[in-house]
């Protein structure tokens, strides 16, 4: 090998991949993505629970699940299957906009 070739090889020696650390991986990236997936799953689960609770609350407020036999009682089987609004996002939107219970109307004023 000539002196010129040696200089060129030494010049490009640092551009070779580091084969010693070529296939090393870190678990921090996996841990971060697993945390993201777990949090997205938690948000999805809480959203489903919130929609279900608001559906049942609205059914109770609008008297959609009154027991036909015992007046003033609630049909619990109806609460499991009732659709008090047309779409699930209407329940979610209402629940997110109304975080405090509404104040009852005063009895003496009309």
PDB file of N, CA and C in Angstrom:
ATOM      1  N   UNK A   1       0.856  -1.163   0.000  1.00  0.00           N
ATOM      2  CA  UNK A   1       0.000   0.000   0.000  1.00  0.00           C
ATOM      3  C   UNK A   1       0.901   1.223   0.000  1.00  0.00           C
ATOM      4  N   UNK A   2       0.534   2.153  -0.842  1.00  0.00           N
ATOM      5  CA  UNK A   2       1.357   3.346  -0.982  1.00  0.00           C
ATOM      6  C   UNK A   2       1.029   4.343   0.135  1.00  0.00           C
ATOM      7  N   UNK A   3       1.848   5.332   0.231  1.00  0.00           N
ATOM      8  CA  UNK A   3       1.688   6.358   1.252  1.00  0.00           C
ATOM      9  C   UNK A   3       0.412   7.175   1.018  1.00  0.00           C
ATOM     10  N   UNK A   4       0.067   7.403  -0.235  1.00  0.00           N
ATOM     11  CA  UNK A   4      -1.143   8.161  -0.564  1.00  0.00           C
ATOM     12  C   UNK A   4      -2.382   7.368  -0.160  1.00  0.00           C
ATOM     13  N   UNK A   5      -2.387   6.067  -0.432  1.00  0.00           N
ATOM     14  CA  UNK A   5      -3.519   5.235  -0.037  1.00  0.00           C
ATOM     15  C   UNK A   5      -3.657   5.179   1.479  1.00  0.00           C
ATOM     16  N   UNK A   6      -2.560   5.123   2.179  1.00  0.00           N
ATOM     17  CA  UNK A   6      -2.595   5.108   3.645  1.00  0.00           C
ATOM     18  C   UNK A   6      -3.198   6.382   4.199  1.00  0.00           C
ATOM     19  N   UNK A   7      -2.850   7.543   3.607  1.00  0.00           N
ATOM     20  CA  UNK A   7      -3.419   8.816   4.059  1.00  0.00           C
ATOM     21  C   UNK A   7      -4.929   8.846   3.817  1.00  0.00           C
ATOM     22  N   UNK A   8      -5.359   8.347   2.666  1.00  0.00           N
ATOM     23  CA  UNK A   8      -6.782   8.339   2.348  1.00  0.00           C
ATOM     24  C   UNK A   8      -7.530   7.413   3.304  1.00  0.00           C
ATOM     25  N   UNK A   9      -6.971   6.243   3.588  1.00  0.00           N
ATOM     26  CA  UNK A   9      -7.626   5.312   4.501  1.00  0.00           C
ATOM     27  C   UNK A   9      -7.711   5.892   5.915  1.00  0.00           C
ATOM     28  N   UNK A  10      -6.667   6.562   6.368  1.00  0.00           N
ATOM     29  CA  UNK A  10      -6.704   7.185   7.683  1.00  0.00           C
ATOM     30  C   UNK A  10      -7.705   8.336   7.736  1.00  0.00           C
ATOM     31  N   UNK A  11      -7.871   9.037   6.602  1.00  0.00           N
ATOM     32  CA  UNK A  11      -8.792  10.162   6.541  1.00  0.00           C
ATOM     33  C   UNK A  11     -10.244   9.671   6.676  1.00  0.00           C
ATOM     34  N   UNK A  12     -10.556   8.546   6.054  1.00  0.00           N
ATOM     35  CA  UNK A  12     -11.918   8.027   6.090  1.00  0.00           C
ATOM     36  C   UNK A  12     -12.127   6.961   7.162  1.00  0.00           C
ATOM     37  N   UNK A  13     -11.164   6.777   8.018  1.00  0.00           N
ATOM     38  CA  UNK A  13     -11.270   5.756   9.050  1.00  0.00           C
ATOM     39  C   UNK A  13     -12.385   6.066  10.049  1.00  0.00           C
ATOM     40  N   UNK A  14     -12.596   7.336  10.374  1.00  0.00           N
ATOM     41  CA  UNK A  14     -13.617   7.725  11.359  1.00  0.00           C
ATOM     42  C   UNK A  14     -15.026   7.676  10.786  1.00  0.00           C
ATOM     43  N   UNK A  15     -15.158   7.583   9.476  1.00  0.00           N
ATOM     44  CA  UNK A  15     -16.496   7.549   8.888  1.00  0.00           C
ATOM     45  C   UNK A  15     -17.080   6.133   8.857  1.00  0.00           C
ATOM     46  N   UNK A  16     -16.304   5.142   9.241  1.00  0.00           N
ATOM     47  CA  UNK A  16     -16.827   3.779   9.303  1.00  0.00           C
ATOM     48  C   UNK A  16     -17.795   3.670  10.481  1.00  0.00           C
ATOM     49  N   UNK A  17     -18.843   2.833  10.355  1.00  0.00           N
ATOM     50  CA  UNK A  17     -19.742   2.656  11.499  1.00  0.00           C
ATOM     51  C   UNK A  17     -19.029   1.961  12.652  1.00  0.00           C
ATOM     52  N   UNK A  18     -19.422   2.321  13.842  1.00  0.00           N
ATOM     53  CA  UNK A  18     -18.848   1.713  15.032  1.00  0.00           C
ATOM     54  C   UNK A  18     -19.512   0.351  15.226  1.00  0.00           C
ATOM     55  N   UNK A  19     -18.862  -0.687  14.798  1.00  0.00           N
ATOM     56  CA  UNK A  19     -19.459  -2.023  14.833  1.00  0.00           C
ATOM     57  C   UNK A  19     -19.627  -2.547  16.257  1.00  0.00           C
ATOM     58  N   UNK A  20     -18.895  -1.996  17.176  1.00  0.00           N
ATOM     59  CA  UNK A  20     -18.987  -2.416  18.559  1.00  0.00           C
ATOM     60  C   UNK A  20     -20.342  -2.024  19.178  1.00  0.00           C
ATOM     61  N   UNK A  21     -20.840  -0.840  18.826  1.00  0.00           N
ATOM     62  CA  UNK A  21     -22.096  -0.336  19.376  1.00  0.00           C
ATOM     63  C   UNK A  21     -23.196  -0.233  18.321  1.00  0.00           C
ATOM     64  N   UNK A  22     -23.062  -0.969  17.248  1.00  0.00           N
ATOM     65  CA  UNK A  22     -24.000  -0.846  16.138  1.00  0.00           C
ATOM     66  C   UNK A  22     -25.390  -1.360  16.502  1.00  0.00           C
ATOM     67  N   UNK A  23     -25.492  -2.426  17.262  1.00  0.00           N
ATOM     68  CA  UNK A  23     -26.777  -3.040  17.568  1.00  0.00           C
ATOM     69  C   UNK A  23     -27.201  -2.836  19.013  1.00  0.00           C
ATOM     70  N   UNK A  24     -26.608  -1.896  19.711  1.00  0.00           N
ATOM     71  CA  UNK A  24     -27.039  -1.583  21.073  1.00  0.00           C
ATOM     72  C   UNK A  24     -28.366  -0.857  21.017  1.00  0.00           C
ATOM     73  N   UNK A  25     -29.216  -1.148  21.968  1.00  0.00           N
ATOM     74  CA  UNK A  25     -30.493  -0.440  22.040  1.00  0.00           C
ATOM     75  C   UNK A  25     -30.754  -0.057  23.488  1.00  0.00           C
ATOM     76  N   UNK A  26     -31.591   0.927  23.642  1.00  0.00           N
ATOM     77  CA  UNK A  26     -31.937   1.408  24.969  1.00  0.00           C
ATOM     78  C   UNK A  26     -33.388   1.050  25.267  1.00  0.00           C
ATOM     79  N   UNK A  27     -33.667   0.727  26.500  1.00  0.00           N
ATOM     80  CA  UNK A  27     -35.024   0.406  26.898  1.00  0.00           C
ATOM     81  C   UNK A  27     -35.818   1.647  27.273  1.00  0.00           C
ATOM     82  N   UNK A  28     -35.191   2.805  27.341  1.00  0.00           N
ATOM     83  CA  UNK A  28     -35.908   4.022  27.710  1.00  0.00           C
ATOM     84  C   UNK A  28     -36.933   4.386  26.656  1.00  0.00           C
ATOM     85  N   UNK A  29     -36.599   4.172  25.388  1.00  0.00           N
ATOM     86  CA  UNK A  29     -37.546   4.471  24.328  1.00  0.00           C
ATOM     87  C   UNK A  29     -38.764   3.556  24.435  1.00  0.00           C
ATOM     88  N   UNK A  30     -38.543   2.279  24.749  1.00  0.00           N
ATOM     89  CA  UNK A  30     -39.656   1.342  24.918  1.00  0.00           C
ATOM     90  C   UNK A  30     -40.499   1.713  26.133  1.00  0.00           C
ATOM     91  N   UNK A  31     -39.855   2.116  27.191  1.00  0.00           N
ATOM     92  CA  UNK A  31     -40.588   2.492  28.405  1.00  0.00           C
ATOM     93  C   UNK A  31     -41.447   3.731  28.148  1.00  0.00           C
ATOM     94  N   UNK A  32     -40.917   4.692  27.403  1.00  0.00           N
ATOM     95  CA  UNK A  32     -41.685   5.900  27.104  1.00  0.00           C
ATOM     96  C   UNK A  32     -42.903   5.566  26.241  1.00  0.00           C
ATOM     97  N   UNK A  33     -42.719   4.721  25.248  1.00  0.00           N
ATOM     98  CA  UNK A  33     -43.848   4.368  24.379  1.00  0.00           C
ATOM     99  C   UNK A  33     -44.880   3.522  25.131  1.00  0.00           C
ATOM    100  N   UNK A  34     -44.427   2.675  26.023  1.00  0.00           N
ATOM    101  CA  UNK A  34     -45.382   1.897  26.817  1.00  0.00           C
ATOM    102  C   UNK A  34     -46.178   2.805  27.753  1.00  0.00           C
ATOM    103  N   UNK A  35     -45.528   3.834  28.287  1.00  0.00           N
ATOM    104  CA  UNK A  35     -46.230   4.808  29.120  1.00  0.00           C
ATOM    105  C   UNK A  35     -47.275   5.561  28.299  1.00  0.00           C
ATOM    106  N   UNK A  36     -46.925   5.948  27.080  1.00  0.00           N
ATOM    107  CA  UNK A  36     -47.874   6.638  26.202  1.00  0.00           C
ATOM    108  C   UNK A  36     -49.067   5.730  25.890  1.00  0.00           C
ATOM    109  N   UNK A  37     -48.802   4.468  25.561  1.00  0.00           N
ATOM    110  CA  UNK A  37     -49.882   3.526  25.249  1.00  0.00           C
ATOM    111  C   UNK A  37     -50.769   3.308  26.473  1.00  0.00           C
ATOM    112  N   UNK A  38     -50.163   3.182  27.646  1.00  0.00           N
ATOM    113  CA  UNK A  38     -50.946   2.982  28.865  1.00  0.00           C
ATOM    114  C   UNK A  38     -51.814   4.211  29.169  1.00  0.00           C
ATOM    115  N   UNK A  39     -51.281   5.405  28.987  1.00  0.00           N
ATOM    116  CA  UNK A  39     -52.059   6.613  29.242  1.00  0.00           C
ATOM    117  C   UNK A  39     -53.182   6.791  28.225  1.00  0.00           C
ATOM    118  N   UNK A  40     -52.929   6.458  26.972  1.00  0.00           N
ATOM    119  CA  UNK A  40     -53.988   6.530  25.963  1.00  0.00           C
ATOM    120  C   UNK A  40     -55.087   5.518  26.288  1.00  0.00           C
ATOM    121  N   UNK A  41     -54.694   4.323  26.718  1.00  0.00           N
ATOM    122  CA  UNK A  41     -55.682   3.329  27.127  1.00  0.00           C
ATOM    123  C   UNK A  41     -56.505   3.798  28.318  1.00  0.00           C
ATOM    124  N   UNK A  42     -55.852   4.436  29.274  1.00  0.00           N
ATOM    125  CA  UNK A  42     -56.558   4.967  30.442  1.00  0.00           C
ATOM    126  C   UNK A  42     -57.541   6.062  30.046  1.00  0.00           C
ATOM    127  N   UNK A  43     -57.125   6.955  29.159  1.00  0.00           N
ATOM    128  CA  UNK A  43     -58.022   8.019  28.693  1.00  0.00           C
ATOM    129  C   UNK A  43     -59.211   7.423  27.951  1.00  0.00           C
ATOM    130  N   UNK A  44     -58.974   6.404  27.124  1.00  0.00           N
ATOM    131  CA  UNK A  44     -60.068   5.747  26.400  1.00  0.00           C
ATOM    132  C   UNK A  44     -61.046   5.103  27.374  1.00  0.00           C
ATOM    133  N   UNK A  45     -60.523   4.409  28.375  1.00  0.00           N
ATOM    134  CA  UNK A  45     -61.374   3.734  29.356  1.00  0.00           C
ATOM    135  C   UNK A  45     -62.198   4.754  30.150  1.00  0.00           C
ATOM    136  N   UNK A  46     -61.572   5.846  30.572  1.00  0.00           N
ATOM    137  CA  UNK A  46     -62.291   6.876  31.313  1.00  0.00           C
ATOM    138  C   UNK A  46     -63.343   7.565  30.444  1.00  0.00           C
ATOM    139  N   UNK A  47     -63.059   7.725  29.158  1.00  0.00           N
ATOM    140  CA  UNK A  47     -64.034   8.319  28.244  1.00  0.00           C
ATOM    141  C   UNK A  47     -65.253   7.419  28.092  1.00  0.00           C
ATOM    142  N   UNK A  48     -65.028   6.120  27.947  1.00  0.00           N
ATOM    143  CA  UNK A  48     -66.149   5.178  27.844  1.00  0.00           C
ATOM    144  C   UNK A  48     -66.979   5.198  29.125  1.00  0.00           C
ATOM    145  N   UNK A  49     -66.313   5.230  30.277  1.00  0.00           N
ATOM    146  CA  UNK A  49     -67.028   5.259  31.553  1.00  0.00           C
ATOM    147  C   UNK A  49     -67.818   6.560  31.708  1.00  0.00           C
ATOM    148  N   UNK A  50     -67.243   7.684  31.285  1.00  0.00           N
ATOM    149  CA  UNK A  50     -67.924   8.971  31.386  1.00  0.00           C
ATOM    150  C   UNK A  50     -69.154   9.017  30.476  1.00  0.00           C
ATOM    151  N   UNK A  51     -69.031   8.494  29.266  1.00  0.00           N
ATOM    152  CA  UNK A  51     -70.164   8.460  28.342  1.00  0.00           C
ATOM    153  C   UNK A  51     -71.276   7.583  28.905  1.00  0.00           C
ATOM    154  N   UNK A  52     -70.918   6.439  29.465  1.00  0.00           N
ATOM    155  CA  UNK A  52     -71.921   5.546  30.044  1.00  0.00           C
ATOM    156  C   UNK A  52     -72.622   6.201  31.243  1.00  0.00           C
ATOM    157  N   UNK A  53     -71.872   6.839  32.104  1.00  0.00           N
ATOM    158  CA  UNK A  53     -72.459   7.490  33.278  1.00  0.00           C
ATOM    159  C   UNK A  53     -73.372   8.645  32.860  1.00  0.00           C
ATOM    160  N   UNK A  54     -72.956   9.423  31.868  1.00  0.00           N
ATOM    161  CA  UNK A  54     -73.788  10.547  31.419  1.00  0.00           C
ATOM    162  C   UNK A  54     -75.044  10.043  30.722  1.00  0.00           C
ATOM    163  N   UNK A  55     -74.955   8.939  30.009  1.00  0.00           N
ATOM    164  CA  UNK A  55     -76.128   8.343  29.374  1.00  0.00           C
ATOM    165  C   UNK A  55     -77.155   7.945  30.440  1.00  0.00           C
ATOM    166  N   UNK A  56     -76.698   7.288  31.484  1.00  0.00           N
ATOM    167  CA  UNK A  56     -77.610   6.874  32.551  1.00  0.00           C
ATOM    168  C   UNK A  56     -78.146   8.074  33.332  1.00  0.00           C
ATOM    169  N   UNK A  57     -77.304   9.063  33.573  1.00  0.00           N
ATOM    170  CA  UNK A  57     -77.760  10.259  34.290  1.00  0.00           C
ATOM    171  C   UNK A  57     -78.844  10.982  33.498  1.00  0.00           C
ATOM    172  N   UNK A  58     -78.635  11.119  32.192  1.00  0.00           N
ATOM    173  CA  UNK A  58     -79.618  11.796  31.356  1.00  0.00           C
ATOM    174  C   UNK A  58     -80.920  10.996  31.276  1.00  0.00           C
ATOM    175  N   UNK A  59     -80.807   9.674  31.248  1.00  0.00           N
ATOM    176  CA  UNK A  59     -82.012   8.844  31.240  1.00  0.00           C
ATOM    177  C   UNK A  59     -82.803   9.007  32.533  1.00  0.00           C
ATOM    178  N   UNK A  60     -82.103   9.139  33.651  1.00  0.00           N
ATOM    179  CA  UNK A  60     -82.790   9.341  34.930  1.00  0.00           C
ATOM    180  C   UNK A  60     -83.425  10.721  35.014  1.00  0.00           C
ATOM    181  N   UNK A  61     -82.742  11.738  34.502  1.00  0.00           N
ATOM    182  CA  UNK A  61     -83.270  13.103  34.555  1.00  0.00           C
ATOM    183  C   UNK A  61     -84.500  13.238  33.666  1.00  0.00           C
ATOM    184  N   UNK A  62     -84.470  12.606  32.507  1.00  0.00           N
ATOM    185  CA  UNK A  62     -85.589  12.726  31.564  1.00  0.00           C
ATOM    186  C   UNK A  62     -86.663  11.663  31.781  1.00  0.00           C
ATOM    187  N   UNK A  63     -86.539  10.868  32.829  1.00  0.00           N
ATOM    188  CA  UNK A  63     -87.515   9.828  33.195  1.00  0.00           C
ATOM    189  C   UNK A  63     -87.744   8.811  32.077  1.00  0.00           C
ATOM    190  N   UNK A  64     -86.683   8.382  31.423  1.00  0.00           N
ATOM    191  CA  UNK A  64     -86.804   7.389  30.357  1.00  0.00           C
ATOM    192  C   UNK A  64     -86.843   5.964  30.888  1.00  0.00           C
ATOM    193  N   UNK A  65     -86.458   5.753  32.125  1.00  0.00           N
ATOM    194  CA  UNK A  65     -86.393   4.398  32.674  1.00  0.00           C
ATOM    195  C   UNK A  65     -87.297   4.236  33.897  1.00  0.00           C
ATOM    196  N   UNK A  66     -88.484   4.763  33.822  1.00  0.00           N
ATOM    197  CA  UNK A  66     -89.445   4.566  34.910  1.00  0.00           C
ATOM    198  C   UNK A  66     -89.993   3.152  34.843  1.00  0.00           C
ATOM    199  N   UNK A  67     -90.138   2.533  35.985  1.00  0.00           N
ATOM    200  CA  UNK A  67     -90.693   1.176  36.043  1.00  0.00           C
ATOM    201  C   UNK A  67     -92.193   1.242  35.723  1.00  0.00           C
ATOM    202  N   UNK A  68     -92.651   0.445  34.730  1.00  0.00           N
ATOM    203  CA  UNK A  68     -94.070   0.529  34.363  1.00  0.00           C
ATOM    204  C   UNK A  68     -95.008  -0.042  35.429  1.00  0.00           C
ATOM    205  N   UNK A  69     -94.528  -0.948  36.255  1.00  0.00           N
ATOM    206  CA  UNK A  69     -95.393  -1.573  37.257  1.00  0.00           C
ATOM    207  C   UNK A  69     -95.420  -0.756  38.545  1.00  0.00           C
ATOM    208  N   UNK A  70     -94.246  -0.444  39.061  1.00  0.00           N
ATOM    209  CA  UNK A  70     -94.137   0.295  40.316  1.00  0.00           C
ATOM    210  C   UNK A  70     -93.823   1.756  40.005  1.00  0.00           C
ATOM    211  N   UNK A  71     -94.795   2.617  40.127  1.00  0.00           N
ATOM    212  CA  UNK A  71     -94.621   4.038  39.815  1.00  0.00           C
ATOM    213  C   UNK A  71     -93.647   4.675  40.799  1.00  0.00           C
ATOM    214  N   UNK A  72     -92.769   5.494  40.281  1.00  0.00           N
ATOM    215  CA  UNK A  72     -91.767   6.153  41.107  1.00  0.00           C
ATOM    216  C   UNK A  72     -90.495   5.346  41.268  1.00  0.00           C
ATOM    217  N   UNK A  73     -90.465   4.147  40.762  1.00  0.00           N
ATOM    218  CA  UNK A  73     -89.262   3.317  40.838  1.00  0.00           C
ATOM    219  C   UNK A  73     -88.528   3.349  39.494  1.00  0.00           C
ATOM    220  N   UNK A  74     -87.302   2.840  39.506  1.00  0.00           N
ATOM    221  CA  UNK A  74     -86.452   2.851  38.313  1.00  0.00           C
ATOM    222  C   UNK A  74     -86.302   1.428  37.794  1.00  0.00           C
ATOM    223  N   UNK A  75     -86.433   1.270  36.479  1.00  0.00           N
ATOM    224  CA  UNK A  75     -86.204  -0.014  35.830  1.00  0.00           C
ATOM    225  C   UNK A  75     -84.699  -0.157  35.582  1.00  0.00           C
ATOM    226  N   UNK A  76     -84.037  -0.974  36.384  1.00  0.00           N
ATOM    227  CA  UNK A  76     -82.569  -1.088  36.300  1.00  0.00           C
ATOM    228  C   UNK A  76     -82.118  -1.771  35.017  1.00  0.00           C
ATOM    229  N   UNK A  77     -82.913  -2.652  34.460  1.00  0.00           N
ATOM    230  CA  UNK A  77     -82.555  -3.291  33.194  1.00  0.00           C
ATOM    231  C   UNK A  77     -82.582  -2.266  32.058  1.00  0.00           C
ATOM    232  N   UNK A  78     -83.506  -1.331  32.147  1.00  0.00           N
ATOM    233  CA  UNK A  78     -83.585  -0.265  31.150  1.00  0.00           C
ATOM    234  C   UNK A  78     -82.332   0.609  31.182  1.00  0.00           C
ATOM    235  N   UNK A  79     -81.798   0.864  32.384  1.00  0.00           N
ATOM    236  CA  UNK A  79     -80.595   1.700  32.499  1.00  0.00           C
ATOM    237  C   UNK A  79     -79.398   1.093  31.782  1.00  0.00           C
ATOM    238  N   UNK A  80     -79.362  -0.232  31.666  1.00  0.00           N
ATOM    239  CA  UNK A  80     -78.232  -0.879  30.990  1.00  0.00           C
ATOM    240  C   UNK A  80     -78.307  -0.750  29.473  1.00  0.00           C
ATOM    241  N   UNK A  81     -79.504  -0.549  28.934  1.00  0.00           N
ATOM    242  CA  UNK A  81     -79.660  -0.545  27.478  1.00  0.00           C
ATOM    243  C   UNK A  81     -80.196   0.756  26.911  1.00  0.00           C
ATOM    244  N   UNK A  82     -80.506   1.741  27.735  1.00  0.00           N
ATOM    245  CA  UNK A  82     -81.127   2.969  27.267  1.00  0.00           C
ATOM    246  C   UNK A  82     -80.146   3.793  26.428  1.00  0.00           C
ATOM    247  N   UNK A  83     -80.701   4.493  25.437  1.00  0.00           N
ATOM    248  CA  UNK A  83     -79.943   5.479  24.651  1.00  0.00           C
ATOM    249  C   UNK A  83     -80.674   6.799  24.814  1.00  0.00           C
ATOM    250  N   UNK A  84     -80.192   7.623  25.741  1.00  0.00           N
ATOM    251  CA  UNK A  84     -80.911   8.852  26.051  1.00  0.00           C
ATOM    252  C   UNK A  84     -80.594   9.985  25.086  1.00  0.00           C
ATOM    253  N   UNK A  85     -79.528   9.879  24.326  1.00  0.00           N
ATOM    254  CA  UNK A  85     -79.210  10.827  23.253  1.00  0.00           C
ATOM    255  C   UNK A  85     -78.877  10.023  22.011  1.00  0.00           C
ATOM    256  N   UNK A  86     -78.820  10.705  20.865  1.00  0.00           N
ATOM    257  CA  UNK A  86     -78.610   9.992  19.601  1.00  0.00           C
ATOM    258  C   UNK A  86     -77.203   9.433  19.452  1.00  0.00           C
ATOM    259  N   UNK A  87     -76.188  10.176  19.892  1.00  0.00           N
ATOM    260  CA  UNK A  87     -74.802   9.771  19.659  1.00  0.00           C
ATOM    261  C   UNK A  87     -73.998   9.866  20.946  1.00  0.00           C
ATOM    262  N   UNK A  88     -72.930   9.071  21.007  1.00  0.00           N
ATOM    263  CA  UNK A  88     -72.104   9.021  22.209  1.00  0.00           C
ATOM    264  C   UNK A  88     -71.356  10.332  22.433  1.00  0.00           C
ATOM    265  N   UNK A  89     -70.980  11.042  21.368  1.00  0.00           N
ATOM    266  CA  UNK A  89     -70.213  12.273  21.554  1.00  0.00           C
ATOM    267  C   UNK A  89     -71.085  13.386  22.149  1.00  0.00           C
ATOM    268  N   UNK A  90     -72.403  13.273  22.035  1.00  0.00           N
ATOM    269  CA  UNK A  90     -73.269  14.240  22.707  1.00  0.00           C
ATOM    270  C   UNK A  90     -73.189  14.069  24.217  1.00  0.00           C
ATOM    271  N   UNK A  91     -73.104  12.846  24.684  1.00  0.00           N
ATOM    272  CA  UNK A  91     -72.917  12.590  26.116  1.00  0.00           C
ATOM    273  C   UNK A  91     -71.566  13.131  26.573  1.00  0.00           C
ATOM    274  N   UNK A  92     -70.533  12.856  25.795  1.00  0.00           N
ATOM    275  CA  UNK A  92     -69.190  13.304  26.165  1.00  0.00           C
ATOM    276  C   UNK A  92     -69.111  14.821  26.190  1.00  0.00           C
ATOM    277  N   UNK A  93     -69.675  15.460  25.184  1.00  0.00           N
ATOM    278  CA  UNK A  93     -69.650  16.928  25.146  1.00  0.00           C
ATOM    279  C   UNK A  93     -70.394  17.548  26.305  1.00  0.00           C
ATOM    280  N   UNK A  94     -71.563  16.994  26.626  1.00  0.00           N
ATOM    281  CA  UNK A  94     -72.333  17.529  27.756  1.00  0.00           C
ATOM    282  C   UNK A  94     -71.573  17.328  29.065  1.00  0.00           C
ATOM    283  N   UNK A  95     -70.997  16.144  29.237  1.00  0.00           N
ATOM    284  CA  UNK A  95     -70.293  15.852  30.491  1.00  0.00           C
ATOM    285  C   UNK A  95     -69.051  16.723  30.658  1.00  0.00           C
ATOM    286  N   UNK A  96     -68.372  17.033  29.563  1.00  0.00           N
ATOM    287  CA  UNK A  96     -67.166  17.862  29.663  1.00  0.00           C
ATOM    288  C   UNK A  96     -67.502  19.336  29.877  1.00  0.00           C
ATOM    289  N   UNK A  97     -68.670  19.771  29.400  1.00  0.00           N
ATOM    290  CA  UNK A  97     -69.071  21.174  29.581  1.00  0.00           C
ATOM    291  C   UNK A  97     -69.750  21.430  30.915  1.00  0.00           C
ATOM    292  N   UNK A  98     -70.341  20.415  31.512  1.00  0.00           N
ATOM    293  CA  UNK A  98     -71.085  20.578  32.765  1.00  0.00           C
ATOM    294  C   UNK A  98     -70.416  19.743  33.856  1.00  0.00           C
ATOM    295  N   UNK A  99     -69.363  20.287  34.440  1.00  0.00           N
ATOM    296  CA  UNK A  99     -68.623  19.528  35.446  1.00  0.00           C
ATOM    297  C   UNK A  99     -69.211  19.700  36.839  1.00  0.00           C
ATOM    298  N   UNK A 100     -69.971  20.764  37.065  1.00  0.00           N
ATOM    299  CA  UNK A 100     -70.631  20.970  38.356  1.00  0.00           C
ATOM    300  C   UNK A 100     -72.104  20.633  38.202  1.00  0.00           C
ATOM    301  N   UNK A 101     -72.733  20.115  39.253  1.00  0.00           N
ATOM    302  CA  UNK A 101     -74.176  19.872  39.156  1.00  0.00           C
ATOM    303  C   UNK A 101     -74.930  21.193  39.062  1.00  0.00           C
ATOM    304  N   UNK A 102     -76.026  21.148  38.330  1.00  0.00           N
ATOM    305  CA  UNK A 102     -76.826  22.361  38.174  1.00  0.00           C
ATOM    306  C   UNK A 102     -77.578  22.651  39.469  1.00  0.00           C
ATOM    307  N   UNK A 103     -77.671  23.923  39.818  1.00  0.00           N
ATOM    308  CA  UNK A 103     -78.362  24.335  41.035  1.00  0.00           C
ATOM    309  C   UNK A 103     -79.864  24.156  40.840  1.00  0.00           C
ATOM    310  N   UNK A 104     -80.532  23.598  41.836  1.00  0.00           N
ATOM    311  CA  UNK A 104     -81.989  23.448  41.704  1.00  0.00           C
ATOM    312  C   UNK A 104     -82.676  24.798  41.724  1.00  0.00           C
ATOM    313  N   UNK A 105     -83.824  24.854  41.076  1.00  0.00           N
ATOM    314  CA  UNK A 105     -84.600  26.090  41.039  1.00  0.00           C
ATOM    315  C   UNK A 105     -85.228  26.323  42.409  1.00  0.00           C
ATOM    316  N   UNK A 106     -85.202  27.557  42.908  1.00  0.00           N
ATOM    317  CA  UNK A 106     -85.827  27.835  44.208  1.00  0.00           C
ATOM    318  C   UNK A 106     -87.314  27.499  44.182  1.00  0.00           C
ATOM    319  N   UNK A 107     -87.823  26.978  45.281  1.00  0.00           N
ATOM    320  CA  UNK A 107     -89.194  26.505  45.350  1.00  0.00           C
ATOM    321  C   UNK A 107     -90.189  27.656  45.334  1.00  0.00           C
ATOM    322  N   UNK A 108     -89.925  28.727  46.043  1.00  0.00           N
ATOM    323  CA  UNK A 108     -90.875  29.819  46.182  1.00  0.00           C
ATOM    324  C   UNK A 108     -91.001  30.689  44.937  1.00  0.00           C
ATOM    325  N   UNK A 109     -90.036  30.713  44.067  1.00  0.00           N
ATOM    326  CA  UNK A 109     -90.064  31.611  42.893  1.00  0.00           C
ATOM    327  C   UNK A 109     -90.513  30.863  41.653  1.00  0.00           C
ATOM    328  N   UNK A 110     -91.373  31.520  40.890  1.00  0.00           N
ATOM    329  CA  UNK A 110     -91.816  30.937  39.609  1.00  0.00           C
ATOM    330  C   UNK A 110     -92.074  32.019  38.631  1.00  0.00           C
TER     331      UNK A 110
END
